[in-house]
Amino acid sequence: MARLTDGFGRRFHYLRISITEVCNFRCAYCLPDGYRKTGPLSFMTPTEIERVTRAFADMGVSKVRLTGGEPSVRKDVPEIMARVAAVPGVEKLAITTNGWNLERQVGAWREAGLTNLNVSIDSLDRAAFQRITGHDRLESVVRGLDQALALGVPVVKVNGVLLRDGVGDGFEAFAEFVRERPVAVRFIELMRTGDNAAFCADQHVPGTVLTDWLTARGWTRRERAFDDGPAVEFAHPDYAGRIGLIAPYAPGFCDSCNRLRITARGALRLCLFGELGIDLRDLLQSDAPEALKARITTALAGKPKGHRLAEGISGDTRQLAQFGG
């Protein structure tokens, strides 16, 4: 079996597949003016998604995450999930969602094979949630998350962007949120993209404000699993859940990179903050697994050692919804 390894010896077990660029939220740090259609919505079909998954699984990928935009705007998400979950070698099927449809759809997702759920919640204050996302949906999102726990989804996580306005009281609220819930809350350090320079300058704070807060209150760092994302997570004996940090500006952040990305239009994205991508769509029109795997292997030789965010360079990433974060 060919293995996915780049020129720096990094092995790739984790694939993120964007299934749409459309998002129905208007998050202040990503799409403050909402999604704007820029071309035909010619996103990959369920068959194409299954084919690209099979190729990567043949080369050692065992965890697949569906992303967007907001993936649940597609009505065929359960079909896509079932196809991906049935691919030999795929052990974990994940989705990242803003939770808009979670309460209604999580049951169908679980039946289709969902094992890992990430829900975006930037604040547990209802007014702040509405201000950040443009929608008064916090209560529904939390009900959907609790329903996922009741349905036995093995891994449930919350993603929140670390914002200056949420420091302190926001941390306290999330700590209480995980006191009884076996959920991992991960704060993502705000990243500058092509479209959010002014917002980032106003709201960015270093991840150390969170880790200092946690360690001062007795939280301790836990070990990462081999196919985990880049979060550093902390646990506390008095809490059922965990709190973590994803700090892309930290030195060495890219050294343990274990993920690759497929855009909604079928391009292999070697780095979230890179340039362009390697088109795979032509090879997804028919069943051509060997040619597909050969193109992927060749492309990996061009994966950079790391991003250049610290230099203020975010590649051609205008906003995170563009490639699924």
Protein backbone atom coordinates (compact mmCIF):
# COMPACT_ATOMS: atom_id res chain seq x y z
CA MET A 1 0.00 0.00 0.00
CA ALA A 2 1.35 3.43 -0.97
CA ARG A 3 1.55 5.74 2.03
CA LEU A 4 0.89 9.45 2.15
CA THR A 5 4.21 10.96 3.18
CA ASP A 6 5.65 14.34 2.24
CA GLY A 7 9.22 15.53 1.78
CA PHE A 8 9.55 16.30 5.50
CA GLY A 9 8.62 12.80 6.67
CA ARG A 10 5.14 13.70 7.82
CA ARG A 11 2.49 10.98 7.48
CA PHE A 12 -1.09 11.85 6.63
CA HIS A 13 -3.93 9.88 8.23
CA TYR A 14 -6.58 12.61 8.20
CA LEU A 15 -8.53 14.03 5.24
CA ARG A 16 -10.85 17.03 5.34
CA ILE A 17 -13.35 17.15 2.47
CA SER A 18 -15.26 20.36 1.86
CA ILE A 19 -18.62 19.50 0.30
CA THR A 20 -19.84 23.09 -0.24
CA GLU A 21 -18.59 26.66 -0.12
CA VAL A 22 -22.02 27.93 0.93
CA CYS A 23 -22.56 29.03 4.53
CA ASN A 24 -25.78 30.32 6.09
CA PHE A 25 -24.09 32.15 8.99
CA ARG A 26 -22.50 35.60 8.83
CA CYS A 27 -19.68 35.22 11.33
CA ALA A 28 -17.84 38.46 12.02
CA TYR A 29 -14.39 36.91 11.52
CA CYS A 30 -15.23 35.00 8.32
CA LEU A 31 -18.31 36.09 6.31
CA PRO A 32 -19.62 39.26 7.97
CA ASP A 33 -21.64 40.13 4.85
CA GLY A 34 -22.83 36.57 4.28
CA TYR A 35 -22.01 34.12 1.51
CA ARG A 36 -21.78 35.61 -1.98
CA LYS A 37 -22.04 33.29 -4.96
CA THR A 38 -19.10 33.82 -7.32
CA GLY A 39 -19.73 31.07 -9.87
CA PRO A 40 -21.73 27.93 -10.59
CA LEU A 41 -22.28 25.73 -7.52
CA SER A 42 -20.62 22.78 -9.21
CA PHE A 43 -19.56 20.98 -6.07
CA MET A 44 -18.49 17.33 -5.95
CA THR A 45 -21.23 14.73 -6.19
CA PRO A 46 -21.62 11.91 -3.64
CA THR A 47 -20.00 9.51 -6.13
CA GLU A 48 -17.00 11.82 -6.61
CA ILE A 49 -16.64 12.24 -2.85
CA GLU A 50 -16.70 8.47 -2.42
CA ARG A 51 -14.06 8.00 -5.12
CA VAL A 52 -11.65 10.52 -3.63
CA THR A 53 -12.17 9.00 -0.19
CA ARG A 54 -11.35 5.52 -1.52
CA ALA A 55 -8.12 6.74 -3.05
CA PHE A 56 -6.95 8.37 0.17
CA ALA A 57 -8.08 5.43 2.30
CA ASP A 58 -6.05 3.10 0.08
CA MET A 59 -3.02 5.22 1.02
CA GLY A 60 -3.57 5.12 4.76
CA VAL A 61 -6.16 7.77 5.61
CA SER A 62 -8.38 6.49 8.42
CA LYS A 63 -10.19 9.66 9.49
CA VAL A 64 -12.37 11.74 7.17
CA ARG A 65 -14.05 15.01 8.09
CA LEU A 66 -16.80 16.69 6.06
CA THR A 67 -16.66 20.48 6.12
CA GLY A 68 -18.02 23.46 4.20
CA GLY A 69 -18.87 26.32 4.18
CA GLU A 70 -21.66 24.77 6.18
CA PRO A 71 -22.00 21.13 5.06
CA SER A 72 -25.59 20.74 6.27
CA VAL A 73 -26.90 23.12 3.60
CA ARG A 74 -26.62 20.09 1.31
CA LYS A 75 -29.65 17.83 1.52
CA ASP A 76 -27.61 14.76 0.58
CA VAL A 77 -25.32 14.82 3.65
CA PRO A 78 -26.67 11.48 4.99
CA GLU A 79 -25.98 9.82 1.64
CA ILE A 80 -22.47 11.28 1.52
CA MET A 81 -21.82 10.12 5.08
CA ALA A 82 -23.03 6.60 4.40
CA ARG A 83 -20.84 6.31 1.31
CA VAL A 84 -17.74 7.60 3.11
CA ALA A 85 -18.34 5.47 6.21
CA ALA A 86 -18.57 2.35 4.03
CA VAL A 87 -15.14 2.87 2.44
CA PRO A 88 -12.69 0.20 3.68
CA GLY A 89 -10.08 1.75 5.96
CA VAL A 90 -12.20 4.67 7.14
CA GLU A 91 -12.46 4.25 10.90
CA LYS A 92 -13.68 7.72 11.89
CA LEU A 93 -16.25 9.85 10.09
CA ALA A 94 -16.49 13.43 11.30
CA ILE A 95 -18.38 16.58 10.42
CA THR A 96 -17.85 20.20 11.39
CA THR A 97 -21.07 22.21 11.50
CA ASN A 98 -22.36 25.55 12.72
CA GLY A 99 -25.27 23.63 14.24
CA TRP A 100 -28.04 25.31 12.24
CA ASN A 101 -29.58 21.94 11.27
CA LEU A 102 -28.02 19.85 14.02
CA GLU A 103 -31.12 19.38 16.17
CA ARG A 104 -33.11 18.08 13.19
CA GLN A 105 -30.43 16.07 11.41
CA VAL A 106 -28.04 14.55 13.94
CA GLY A 107 -30.12 11.38 14.24
CA ALA A 108 -29.84 10.70 10.50
CA TRP A 109 -26.13 11.49 10.60
CA ARG A 110 -25.57 9.03 13.42
CA GLU A 111 -27.44 6.32 11.52
CA ALA A 112 -25.29 7.04 8.46
CA GLY A 113 -22.10 6.36 10.43
CA LEU A 114 -21.08 9.61 12.13
CA THR A 115 -18.46 9.05 14.86
CA ASN A 116 -17.02 12.54 15.46
CA LEU A 117 -18.98 15.78 15.68
CA ASN A 118 -17.53 19.30 15.89
CA VAL A 119 -19.97 22.13 16.54
CA SER A 120 -18.96 25.77 16.17
CA ILE A 121 -20.02 27.85 19.19
CA ASP A 122 -18.09 31.09 19.63
CA SER A 123 -19.95 32.25 22.74
CA LEU A 124 -22.38 30.82 25.29
CA ASP A 125 -23.89 34.26 25.78
CA ARG A 126 -27.01 34.43 23.61
CA ALA A 127 -26.58 38.08 22.63
CA ALA A 128 -22.88 37.64 21.85
CA PHE A 129 -23.61 34.50 19.80
CA GLN A 130 -26.14 36.44 17.74
CA ARG A 131 -23.75 39.37 17.33
CA ILE A 132 -20.92 37.11 16.11
CA THR A 133 -22.92 34.77 13.86
CA GLY A 134 -25.79 36.97 12.73
CA HIS A 135 -28.35 34.47 14.07
CA ASP A 136 -30.18 33.94 17.36
CA ARG A 137 -29.66 30.16 17.30
CA LEU A 138 -27.60 29.38 20.40
CA GLU A 139 -30.30 27.43 22.24
CA SER A 140 -31.08 25.23 19.23
CA VAL A 141 -27.40 24.56 18.62
CA VAL A 142 -26.85 23.47 22.23
CA ARG A 143 -29.95 21.25 22.13
CA GLY A 144 -28.54 19.59 19.01
CA LEU A 145 -25.21 19.02 20.72
CA ASP A 146 -26.90 17.46 23.74
CA GLN A 147 -28.95 15.28 21.41
CA ALA A 148 -25.74 14.03 19.81
CA LEU A 149 -24.45 13.04 23.24
CA ALA A 150 -27.73 11.26 24.00
CA LEU A 151 -27.48 9.37 20.70
CA GLY A 152 -24.04 8.08 21.66
CA VAL A 153 -21.91 9.94 19.13
CA PRO A 154 -18.49 8.82 20.43
CA VAL A 155 -16.64 12.15 20.12
CA VAL A 156 -18.34 15.54 20.44
CA LYS A 157 -16.31 18.73 20.35
CA VAL A 158 -17.00 22.46 20.31
CA ASN A 159 -14.96 24.90 18.24
CA GLY A 160 -14.82 28.53 19.29
CA VAL A 161 -12.69 31.31 17.86
CA LEU A 162 -10.56 33.01 20.50
CA LEU A 163 -11.64 36.65 20.52
CA ARG A 164 -10.58 39.54 22.73
CA ASP A 165 -14.22 40.14 23.68
CA GLY A 166 -14.58 36.57 25.00
CA VAL A 167 -11.55 36.41 27.31
CA GLY A 168 -12.27 35.83 31.00
CA ASP A 169 -16.03 35.54 31.39
CA GLY A 170 -16.20 33.49 28.20
CA PHE A 171 -13.68 30.99 29.57
CA GLU A 172 -15.68 30.65 32.79
CA ALA A 173 -18.88 29.95 30.85
CA PHE A 174 -17.27 27.23 28.74
CA ALA A 175 -15.67 25.63 31.81
CA GLU A 176 -19.14 25.33 33.34
CA PHE A 177 -20.43 23.98 30.03
CA VAL A 178 -18.05 21.00 30.22
CA ARG A 179 -18.43 20.40 33.96
CA GLU A 180 -21.01 17.66 33.31
CA ARG A 181 -20.71 17.23 29.53
CA PRO A 182 -17.97 14.91 28.14
CA VAL A 183 -17.17 17.44 25.45
CA ALA A 184 -13.90 19.00 24.34
CA VAL A 185 -14.07 22.76 23.81
CA ARG A 186 -11.22 24.02 21.65
CA PHE A 187 -10.52 27.72 21.19
CA ILE A 188 -8.94 28.52 17.83
CA GLU A 189 -6.58 31.47 17.74
CA LEU A 190 -8.00 34.06 15.35
CA MET A 191 -6.18 33.83 12.02
CA ARG A 192 -5.75 36.65 9.57
CA THR A 193 -7.15 35.91 6.12
CA GLY A 194 -7.44 37.99 2.99
CA ASP A 195 -10.75 39.53 4.03
CA ASN A 196 -10.53 40.05 7.81
CA ALA A 197 -7.41 42.17 8.43
CA ALA A 198 -9.18 44.94 10.39
CA PHE A 199 -11.22 42.50 12.50
CA CYS A 200 -8.13 40.42 13.24
CA ALA A 201 -6.13 43.47 14.32
CA ASP A 202 -8.91 44.44 16.74
CA GLN A 203 -9.81 41.01 18.16
CA HIS A 204 -6.67 38.83 17.99
CA VAL A 205 -5.17 37.74 21.30
CA PRO A 206 -2.40 35.15 21.77
CA GLY A 207 -3.36 31.64 22.80
CA THR A 208 -1.32 32.00 25.99
CA VAL A 209 -4.19 33.98 27.53
CA LEU A 210 -6.18 30.73 27.56
CA THR A 211 -3.40 28.36 28.59
CA ASP A 212 -2.36 30.69 31.41
CA TRP A 213 -5.99 30.85 32.58
CA LEU A 214 -6.28 27.06 32.55
CA THR A 215 -3.01 26.26 34.31
CA ALA A 216 -3.75 28.84 37.01
CA ARG A 217 -6.92 26.87 37.78
CA GLY A 218 -5.40 23.40 37.92
CA TRP A 219 -6.03 22.16 34.38
CA THR A 220 -3.29 19.91 33.01
CA ARG A 221 -2.26 19.06 29.47
CA ARG A 222 -3.25 15.66 28.03
CA GLU A 223 -1.54 13.59 25.32
CA ARG A 224 -2.66 13.76 21.69
CA ALA A 225 -3.84 10.73 19.70
CA PHE A 226 -1.97 10.04 16.46
CA ASP A 227 -4.87 11.21 14.25
CA ASP A 228 -5.90 14.19 16.37
CA GLY A 229 -5.88 17.63 14.92
CA PRO A 230 -3.45 20.27 16.22
CA ALA A 231 -5.30 21.12 19.44
CA VAL A 232 -3.49 21.04 22.77
CA GLU A 233 -6.13 19.91 25.28
CA PHE A 234 -6.31 20.32 29.04
CA ALA A 235 -8.24 18.24 31.56
CA HIS A 236 -9.32 18.75 35.18
CA PRO A 237 -10.52 16.09 37.66
CA ASP A 238 -13.62 18.15 38.53
CA TYR A 239 -14.83 18.40 34.94
CA ALA A 240 -16.22 15.75 32.58
CA GLY A 241 -15.03 17.62 29.49
CA ARG A 242 -11.82 19.23 28.31
CA ILE A 243 -10.69 22.64 27.11
CA GLY A 244 -8.07 23.09 24.44
CA LEU A 245 -6.28 25.51 22.17
CA ILE A 246 -5.42 25.53 18.49
CA ALA A 247 -2.60 28.06 18.11
CA PRO A 248 -1.49 28.33 14.48
CA TYR A 249 0.96 31.14 15.25
CA ALA A 250 2.90 29.02 17.74
CA PRO A 251 6.42 27.95 16.71
CA GLY A 252 6.49 24.44 15.25
CA PHE A 253 2.71 24.36 14.71
CA CYS A 254 3.08 22.71 11.30
CA ASP A 255 5.73 20.17 12.31
CA SER A 256 3.16 17.52 13.20
CA CYS A 257 0.73 18.25 10.35
CA ASN A 258 -1.25 15.08 9.60
CA ARG A 259 -4.05 16.39 7.38
CA LEU A 260 -4.81 17.14 3.78
CA ARG A 261 -7.80 18.95 2.29
CA ILE A 262 -10.07 18.50 -0.70
CA THR A 263 -12.02 21.56 -1.80
CA ALA A 264 -15.69 21.40 -2.70
CA ARG A 265 -14.73 21.61 -6.37
CA GLY A 266 -12.35 18.67 -6.20
CA ALA A 267 -8.90 20.20 -5.75
CA LEU A 268 -6.24 18.88 -3.37
CA ARG A 269 -5.23 21.65 -1.00
CA LEU A 270 -1.82 20.98 0.51
CA CYS A 271 -2.02 23.81 3.07
CA LEU A 272 -4.97 25.87 4.26
CA PHE A 273 -2.89 29.01 3.80
CA GLY A 274 -1.18 28.02 0.58
CA GLU A 275 -1.76 28.99 -3.03
CA LEU A 276 -4.09 27.34 -5.52
CA GLY A 277 -4.51 23.56 -5.43
CA ILE A 278 -4.03 20.43 -7.51
CA ASP A 279 -7.13 19.63 -9.54
CA LEU A 280 -8.39 16.06 -9.10
CA ARG A 281 -11.87 16.56 -10.52
CA ASP A 282 -11.14 15.18 -13.99
CA LEU A 283 -10.04 11.87 -12.43
CA LEU A 284 -13.22 11.71 -10.34
CA GLN A 285 -15.49 11.68 -13.38
CA SER A 286 -14.74 7.99 -13.89
CA ASP A 287 -13.33 5.24 -11.73
CA ALA A 288 -9.57 5.79 -12.16
CA PRO A 289 -8.09 5.00 -8.73
CA GLU A 290 -4.50 4.35 -9.79
CA ALA A 291 -4.20 7.56 -11.80
CA LEU A 292 -5.81 9.43 -8.92
CA LYS A 293 -3.40 8.03 -6.36
CA ALA A 294 -0.43 8.76 -8.63
CA ARG A 295 -1.44 12.42 -8.96
CA ILE A 296 -1.92 12.74 -5.20
CA THR A 297 1.48 11.18 -4.50
CA THR A 298 3.20 13.50 -6.98
CA ALA A 299 1.44 16.53 -5.52
CA LEU A 300 2.61 15.77 -1.99
CA ALA A 301 6.18 16.49 -3.02
CA GLY A 302 5.15 20.13 -3.20
CA LYS A 303 3.69 20.41 0.30
CA PRO A 304 5.46 23.25 2.12
CA LYS A 305 7.06 22.82 5.51
CA GLY A 306 4.66 25.32 7.06
CA HIS A 307 2.38 28.29 6.54
CA ARG A 308 3.55 31.92 6.66
CA LEU A 309 0.89 33.46 8.88
CA ALA A 310 3.49 34.97 11.19
CA GLU A 311 4.71 37.00 8.22
CA GLY A 312 1.20 38.24 7.48
CA ILE A 313 0.91 35.94 4.46
CA SER A 314 -2.28 33.87 4.25
CA GLY A 315 -1.93 32.62 0.69
CA ASP A 316 -5.05 32.90 -1.43
CA THR A 317 -7.38 32.13 1.48
CA ARG A 318 -9.87 35.02 1.55
CA GLN A 319 -11.95 33.52 4.38
CA LEU A 320 -12.06 30.17 6.15
CA ALA A 321 -15.40 29.11 4.67
CA GLN A 322 -13.66 29.04 1.30
CA PHE A 323 -11.80 25.78 2.05
CA GLY A 324 -13.44 24.49 5.21
CA GLY A 325 -10.92 25.69 7.78
